[in-house]
């Protein structure tokens, strides 16, 4: 099952890169996707590797990721 978690983290990294590619195409909402998935990668790696990062900090980061993706999806919605 741990292999699935590694694959998931790798896919999150790809989504982050795609978000940055959107930014390169002048799509501001790409920052929201890039930030969200960068936080997901950090969050998952910190849990997987037991980095000892305080849970309250991780919860705050997860909230920031949720807000960031909400902003990004709102940008996509407004563009369509």
C-alpha atoms as a PDB file:
ATOM      1  CA  UNK A   1       0.000   0.000   0.000  1.00  0.00           C
ATOM      2  CA  UNK A   2       2.943   2.311   0.571  1.00  0.00           C
ATOM      3  CA  UNK A   3       3.694   2.147  -3.167  1.00  0.00           C
ATOM      4  CA  UNK A   4       0.299   3.712  -3.866  1.00  0.00           C
ATOM      5  CA  UNK A   5       1.222   6.612  -1.608  1.00  0.00           C
ATOM      6  CA  UNK A   6       4.496   7.164  -3.495  1.00  0.00           C
ATOM      7  CA  UNK A   7       2.647   7.113  -6.823  1.00  0.00           C
ATOM      8  CA  UNK A   8       0.075   9.551  -5.430  1.00  0.00           C
ATOM      9  CA  UNK A   9       2.818  11.962  -4.340  1.00  0.00           C
ATOM     10  CA  UNK A  10       4.420  11.690  -7.775  1.00  0.00           C
ATOM     11  CA  UNK A  11       1.084  12.483  -9.461  1.00  0.00           C
ATOM     12  CA  UNK A  12       0.575  15.444  -7.130  1.00  0.00           C
ATOM     13  CA  UNK A  13       3.966  16.714  -8.254  1.00  0.00           C
ATOM     14  CA  UNK A  14       2.901  16.426 -11.891  1.00  0.00           C
ATOM     15  CA  UNK A  15      -0.273  18.392 -11.187  1.00  0.00           C
ATOM     16  CA  UNK A  16       1.842  21.076  -9.520  1.00  0.00           C
ATOM     17  CA  UNK A  17       4.011  21.289 -12.644  1.00  0.00           C
ATOM     18  CA  UNK A  18       0.908  21.507 -14.845  1.00  0.00           C
ATOM     19  CA  UNK A  19      -0.302  24.380 -12.670  1.00  0.00           C
ATOM     20  CA  UNK A  20       2.974  26.194 -13.331  1.00  0.00           C
ATOM     21  CA  UNK A  21       2.574  25.483 -17.039  1.00  0.00           C
ATOM     22  CA  UNK A  22      -0.821  27.202 -16.859  1.00  0.00           C
ATOM     23  CA  UNK A  23       0.891  30.205 -15.299  1.00  0.00           C
ATOM     24  CA  UNK A  24       3.314  30.232 -18.238  1.00  0.00           C
ATOM     25  CA  UNK A  25       0.254  30.475 -20.503  1.00  0.00           C
ATOM     26  CA  UNK A  26      -0.890  33.579 -18.597  1.00  0.00           C
ATOM     27  CA  UNK A  27      -3.574  31.699 -16.649  1.00  0.00           C
ATOM     28  CA  UNK A  28      -3.354  33.228 -13.193  1.00  0.00           C
ATOM     29  CA  UNK A  29      -5.421  30.453 -11.627  1.00  0.00           C
ATOM     30  CA  UNK A  30      -2.525  28.102 -12.371  1.00  0.00           C
ATOM     31  CA  UNK A  31      -0.865  29.516  -9.240  1.00  0.00           C
ATOM     32  CA  UNK A  32      -3.768  28.168  -7.184  1.00  0.00           C
ATOM     33  CA  UNK A  33      -3.365  24.663  -8.574  1.00  0.00           C
ATOM     34  CA  UNK A  34       0.431  24.781  -8.247  1.00  0.00           C
ATOM     35  CA  UNK A  35       0.277  25.988  -4.637  1.00  0.00           C
ATOM     36  CA  UNK A  36      -2.404  23.482  -3.665  1.00  0.00           C
ATOM     37  CA  UNK A  37      -0.514  20.506  -5.017  1.00  0.00           C
ATOM     38  CA  UNK A  38       2.845  21.719  -3.696  1.00  0.00           C
ATOM     39  CA  UNK A  39       1.226  21.759  -0.253  1.00  0.00           C
ATOM     40  CA  UNK A  40      -0.226  18.278  -0.865  1.00  0.00           C
ATOM     41  CA  UNK A  41       3.235  16.954  -1.766  1.00  0.00           C
ATOM     42  CA  UNK A  42       4.754  18.511   1.363  1.00  0.00           C
ATOM     43  CA  UNK A  43       1.866  17.302   3.550  1.00  0.00           C
ATOM     44  CA  UNK A  44       2.031  13.734   2.263  1.00  0.00           C
ATOM     45  CA  UNK A  45       5.813  13.526   2.412  1.00  0.00           C
ATOM     46  CA  UNK A  46       5.893  14.899   5.953  1.00  0.00           C
ATOM     47  CA  UNK A  47       3.437  12.211   7.040  1.00  0.00           C
ATOM     48  CA  UNK A  48       5.114   9.435   5.048  1.00  0.00           C
ATOM     49  CA  UNK A  49       8.605  10.260   6.295  1.00  0.00           C
ATOM     50  CA  UNK A  50       7.497  11.143   9.855  1.00  0.00           C
ATOM     51  CA  UNK A  51       9.246  14.502   9.767  1.00  0.00           C
ATOM     52  CA  UNK A  52       7.816  15.541  13.108  1.00  0.00           C
ATOM     53  CA  UNK A  53       6.101  18.651  11.804  1.00  0.00           C
ATOM     54  CA  UNK A  54       3.436  19.850  14.257  1.00  0.00           C
ATOM     55  CA  UNK A  55      -0.071  18.723  13.293  1.00  0.00           C
ATOM     56  CA  UNK A  56      -1.504  22.212  13.798  1.00  0.00           C
ATOM     57  CA  UNK A  57       0.906  23.554  11.173  1.00  0.00           C
ATOM     58  CA  UNK A  58      -0.052  20.771   8.755  1.00  0.00           C
ATOM     59  CA  UNK A  59      -3.762  21.446   9.331  1.00  0.00           C
ATOM     60  CA  UNK A  60      -3.177  25.128   8.593  1.00  0.00           C
ATOM     61  CA  UNK A  61      -1.334  24.231   5.395  1.00  0.00           C
ATOM     62  CA  UNK A  62      -4.138  21.886   4.370  1.00  0.00           C
ATOM     63  CA  UNK A  63      -6.652  24.702   4.910  1.00  0.00           C
ATOM     64  CA  UNK A  64      -4.497  27.004   2.766  1.00  0.00           C
ATOM     65  CA  UNK A  65      -4.451  24.342   0.040  1.00  0.00           C
ATOM     66  CA  UNK A  66      -8.237  24.063   0.164  1.00  0.00           C
ATOM     67  CA  UNK A  67      -8.633  27.819  -0.111  1.00  0.00           C
ATOM     68  CA  UNK A  68      -6.076  27.943  -2.931  1.00  0.00           C
ATOM     69  CA  UNK A  69      -7.854  25.340  -5.035  1.00  0.00           C
ATOM     70  CA  UNK A  70     -11.188  27.074  -4.393  1.00  0.00           C
ATOM     71  CA  UNK A  71      -9.669  30.291  -5.770  1.00  0.00           C
ATOM     72  CA  UNK A  72      -8.253  28.403  -8.765  1.00  0.00           C
ATOM     73  CA  UNK A  73     -11.532  26.676  -9.620  1.00  0.00           C
ATOM     74  CA  UNK A  74     -13.334  30.012  -9.283  1.00  0.00           C
ATOM     75  CA  UNK A  75     -10.899  31.431 -11.837  1.00  0.00           C
ATOM     76  CA  UNK A  76     -11.580  28.555 -14.228  1.00  0.00           C
ATOM     77  CA  UNK A  77     -15.324  29.001 -13.751  1.00  0.00           C
ATOM     78  CA  UNK A  78     -15.174  32.737 -14.462  1.00  0.00           C
ATOM     79  CA  UNK A  79     -13.134  32.143 -17.605  1.00  0.00           C
ATOM     80  CA  UNK A  80     -15.648  29.687 -19.050  1.00  0.00           C
END
